[in-house]
Protein backbone atom coordinates (compact mmCIF):
# COMPACT_ATOMS: atom_id res chain seq x y z
CA MET A 1 -58.36 -24.07 -54.58
CA ALA A 2 -57.68 -26.93 -52.76
CA ALA A 3 -54.46 -27.89 -55.51
CA SER A 4 -53.33 -24.49 -55.41
CA SER A 5 -53.14 -24.39 -51.46
CA SER A 6 -51.91 -28.04 -51.55
CA ASN A 7 -49.20 -26.65 -53.31
CA LEU A 8 -47.91 -24.39 -51.20
CA ASP A 9 -47.44 -26.93 -48.34
CA THR A 10 -44.30 -27.87 -47.81
CA ASN A 11 -43.98 -31.52 -47.69
CA PRO A 12 -42.94 -32.55 -43.92
CA SER A 13 -39.50 -34.14 -45.02
CA GLU A 14 -38.84 -30.31 -46.49
CA LYS A 15 -39.92 -28.86 -42.79
CA THR A 16 -37.51 -31.35 -41.05
CA GLU A 17 -34.40 -30.96 -43.33
CA MET A 18 -34.66 -27.49 -43.16
CA THR A 19 -34.81 -27.28 -39.53
CA ILE A 20 -32.04 -29.31 -39.08
CA GLY A 21 -29.71 -27.08 -41.87
CA LEU A 22 -31.16 -23.65 -39.89
CA GLY A 23 -29.31 -26.23 -36.49
CA PHE A 24 -26.39 -26.57 -38.12
CA GLU A 25 -25.57 -22.85 -39.35
CA MET A 26 -26.74 -21.63 -35.97
CA ARG A 27 -24.02 -23.70 -34.61
CA GLY A 28 -21.64 -22.75 -37.01
CA THR A 29 -22.14 -19.66 -36.35
CA LYS A 30 -21.73 -20.33 -32.75
CA ALA A 31 -18.09 -22.20 -33.03
CA SER A 32 -17.20 -19.21 -35.47
CA SER A 33 -18.10 -16.79 -32.67
CA GLU A 34 -16.11 -18.71 -29.98
CA MET A 35 -13.43 -19.45 -32.27
CA ALA A 36 -12.71 -16.01 -32.37
CA ILE A 37 -12.38 -14.53 -29.05
CA SER A 38 -10.46 -17.83 -28.13
CA SER A 39 -8.30 -16.41 -30.83
CA THR A 40 -8.26 -12.65 -29.54
CA LEU A 41 -7.16 -14.01 -25.96
CA THR A 42 -4.51 -15.65 -27.16
CA SER A 43 -2.78 -13.61 -28.76
CA ILE A 44 -3.53 -10.80 -25.81
CA LEU A 45 -2.23 -13.60 -23.18
CA SER A 46 0.99 -14.09 -25.49
CA SER A 47 1.92 -10.18 -25.72
CA ALA A 48 4.92 -9.30 -23.96
CA ALA A 49 3.26 -6.61 -22.15
CA VAL A 50 1.09 -9.18 -20.70
CA ARG A 51 3.78 -11.98 -20.11
CA ARG A 52 5.83 -9.02 -17.85
CA ARG A 53 3.01 -8.01 -16.04
CA LEU A 54 1.25 -11.88 -15.18
CA PRO A 55 4.44 -12.81 -13.35
CA PHE A 56 4.23 -9.71 -11.64
CA VAL A 57 0.63 -9.53 -10.75
CA GLY A 58 0.65 -13.41 -9.65
CA ALA A 59 4.09 -12.45 -7.66
CA PHE A 60 1.95 -9.79 -6.04
CA CYS A 61 -1.06 -11.16 -5.11
CA MET A 62 0.57 -14.11 -3.37
CA LEU A 63 3.23 -11.65 -1.16
CA SER A 64 -0.39 -9.97 0.06
CA LEU A 65 -1.43 -13.33 1.51
CA GLY A 66 2.06 -13.71 3.05
CA PHE A 67 1.54 -10.38 5.04
CA HIS A 68 -1.91 -11.31 5.71
CA GLY A 69 -1.72 -14.16 7.06
CA LEU A 70 1.56 -12.28 9.23
CA HIS A 71 -0.27 -9.26 10.14
CA PRO A 72 -4.31 -9.32 10.68
CA SER A 73 -4.27 -5.01 10.35
CA PHE A 74 -2.65 -5.65 6.71
CA SER A 75 -5.12 -4.68 4.67
CA VAL A 76 -5.05 -4.63 0.47
CA SER A 77 -8.15 -3.06 -1.71
CA SER A 78 -9.46 -5.12 -3.98
CA ASN A 79 -7.16 -3.92 -7.33
CA PRO A 80 -4.24 -5.86 -6.86
CA LEU A 81 -2.03 -3.00 -8.16
CA SER A 82 -3.44 -0.71 -5.59
CA ARG A 83 -1.08 0.94 -2.82
CA LEU A 84 -0.73 -1.17 0.37
CA SER A 85 -1.28 0.52 3.62
CA LEU A 86 -0.74 -1.13 6.88
CA GLY A 87 -2.94 -0.71 9.92
CA SER A 88 -2.45 2.53 10.80
CA LYS A 89 -1.53 2.71 14.70
CA PRO A 90 -3.69 4.83 17.52
CA GLN A 91 -3.20 8.14 18.22
CA SER A 92 -2.25 7.72 21.95
CA TYR A 93 0.89 5.76 20.18
CA TYR A 94 2.37 9.09 18.84
CA SER A 95 1.67 11.09 21.57
CA THR A 96 3.59 9.19 24.26
CA GLY A 97 5.85 12.74 24.02
CA ILE A 98 3.62 14.45 26.56
CA ARG A 99 5.05 17.41 29.12
CA MET A 100 6.02 15.71 31.85
CA GLU A 101 5.02 18.24 34.45
CA ALA A 102 2.07 17.64 33.83
CA SER A 103 1.45 14.04 35.52
CA ASN A 104 2.97 15.54 38.51
CA GLN A 105 1.27 17.97 41.32
CA ASN A 106 5.03 18.69 42.26
CA THR A 107 6.59 19.77 38.80
CA VAL A 108 6.19 22.89 36.97
CA PRO A 109 7.15 23.82 33.39
CA SER A 110 10.38 23.96 33.17
CA ILE A 111 13.09 25.57 30.94
CA VAL A 112 16.49 25.26 29.65
CA VAL A 113 18.09 28.90 29.09
CA TYR A 114 21.46 29.56 26.50
CA VAL A 115 23.66 32.33 27.68
CA THR A 116 27.30 33.18 26.03
CA VAL A 117 29.77 35.01 27.79
CA PRO A 118 33.08 36.97 26.94
CA ASN A 119 35.38 34.50 29.14
CA LYS A 120 35.58 32.34 32.14
CA GLU A 121 35.43 35.17 35.48
CA ALA A 122 32.21 36.59 33.49
CA GLY A 123 30.97 33.54 32.80
CA LYS A 124 31.53 32.21 36.74
CA LYS A 125 30.10 36.32 38.32
CA LEU A 126 27.42 35.53 36.20
CA ALA A 127 26.04 31.92 36.86
CA ALA A 128 26.95 32.91 40.28
CA SER A 129 24.51 35.91 40.79
CA ILE A 130 21.78 34.01 38.98
CA VAL A 131 21.55 30.72 41.41
CA LYS A 132 21.96 33.10 43.96
CA GLU A 133 18.90 35.62 42.98
CA LYS A 134 16.91 32.12 42.78
CA LEU A 135 16.33 32.93 38.92
CA ALA A 136 17.79 29.15 38.08
CA ALA A 137 18.34 25.96 40.13
CA CYS A 138 21.39 25.69 38.09
CA VAL A 139 24.00 26.71 35.59
CA ASN A 140 26.56 23.95 33.61
CA ARG A 141 29.50 26.29 32.83
CA VAL A 142 30.88 25.08 29.52
CA PRO A 143 34.17 26.76 28.45
CA GLY A 144 36.56 26.62 25.21
CA ILE A 145 33.16 26.92 22.44
CA GLU A 146 33.96 29.23 19.71
CA SER A 147 32.05 31.41 18.14
CA VAL A 148 31.85 32.29 14.78
CA TYR A 149 28.49 35.13 14.33
CA LEU A 150 28.03 38.45 12.30
CA TRP A 151 27.91 42.03 13.68
CA GLN A 152 27.32 45.17 12.30
CA GLY A 153 28.10 43.53 8.72
CA GLU A 154 31.52 41.84 9.67
CA ILE A 155 32.44 38.59 10.34
CA GLN A 156 33.50 37.76 13.95
CA THR A 157 35.38 35.01 15.39
CA ASP A 158 35.25 34.32 19.19
CA SER A 159 36.55 32.01 21.99
CA GLU A 160 33.24 31.94 24.69
CA GLU A 161 31.99 30.41 27.22
CA LEU A 162 28.43 28.68 27.50
CA LEU A 163 26.10 28.87 30.12
CA ILE A 164 23.20 26.04 30.61
CA ILE A 165 20.58 27.18 32.49
CA LYS A 166 17.83 24.88 34.22
CA THR A 167 14.91 27.16 35.32
CA ARG A 168 10.75 27.46 35.97
CA GLU A 169 9.33 28.75 32.29
CA SER A 170 7.54 31.94 34.76
CA LEU A 171 11.05 33.12 35.55
CA LEU A 172 12.31 33.34 31.98
CA ASN A 173 11.39 37.70 31.29
CA ALA A 174 13.36 37.84 35.01
CA LEU A 175 16.66 36.06 33.93
CA THR A 176 16.44 37.62 30.44
CA GLU A 177 16.21 40.70 32.23
CA HIS A 178 18.96 40.13 35.21
CA VAL A 179 21.77 38.75 31.97
CA LYS A 180 21.36 41.84 30.20
CA ALA A 181 22.14 44.29 33.23
CA ASN A 182 24.99 41.57 34.38
CA HIS A 183 26.56 41.26 31.11
CA GLU A 184 29.49 42.47 28.57
CA TYR A 185 27.72 42.72 25.56
CA ASP A 186 24.89 44.97 24.08
CA VAL A 187 23.60 42.35 22.66
CA PRO A 188 23.66 38.78 25.18
CA GLU A 189 22.12 35.74 23.90
CA VAL A 190 19.22 34.17 25.53
CA ILE A 191 17.59 31.34 24.33
CA ALA A 192 15.25 28.82 25.92
CA LEU A 193 13.84 25.52 25.20
CA PRO A 194 11.50 23.86 26.42
CA ILE A 195 11.99 20.75 29.40
CA THR A 196 9.31 18.38 27.90
CA GLY A 197 10.05 15.24 29.79
CA GLY A 198 13.01 14.27 32.61
CA SER A 199 13.71 12.49 36.18
CA VAL A 200 10.36 14.26 38.11
CA PRO A 201 12.85 13.77 41.49
CA TYR A 202 15.20 16.43 39.61
CA LEU A 203 12.23 18.68 37.92
CA GLU A 204 10.66 18.77 41.72
CA TRP A 205 13.72 19.78 42.90
CA LEU A 206 14.49 22.52 40.27
CA LYS A 207 10.93 23.78 41.04
CA ASN A 208 12.04 23.95 44.87
CA SER A 209 15.19 25.49 44.24
CA THR A 210 13.83 28.68 42.53
CA ARG A 211 11.80 31.42 43.12
CA GLU A 212 8.40 30.90 42.41
């Protein structure tokens, strides 16, 4: 039994050789894997698509860093190909178109009204009656306009005069009724546009020149 046991044991020198051989085999396998990975990366980086994209990505990153240095609010996400966004402006930046009337107690909400008349005489008469009744502070008469419009299924072309009327918003209904009662047309034009700002002294004068 002792002899058989000694036959099963491996010679120490043989163990050393087996260990060294196994180590070389493992290192050889690792080196082969690294060479395979390196070869794969080389083939990917050498492809035409990557060569086309790498300069773009590099330039894009440099451009992003440059913008960030010039404008601290310039932000870029972690993905260099994502959409860029400039820092948003505060909401007050977009709120400058406020109604001037609301910031001054000496003014009132005001409007500009367009009315067309058939001729100079009609314009002069209607403008004078509007101001006399204090339905407007001012009426501008613009002669020599030409209107093209559809009436009763036919296209009409007429020479007219345009009245530009400045008044209070609260007087629009009364002004409309006055125009309809003193106009030659069956359907006179009365179009109102809001005044969102302007000279405060002028708007104060408009208020003081019109009736409540």
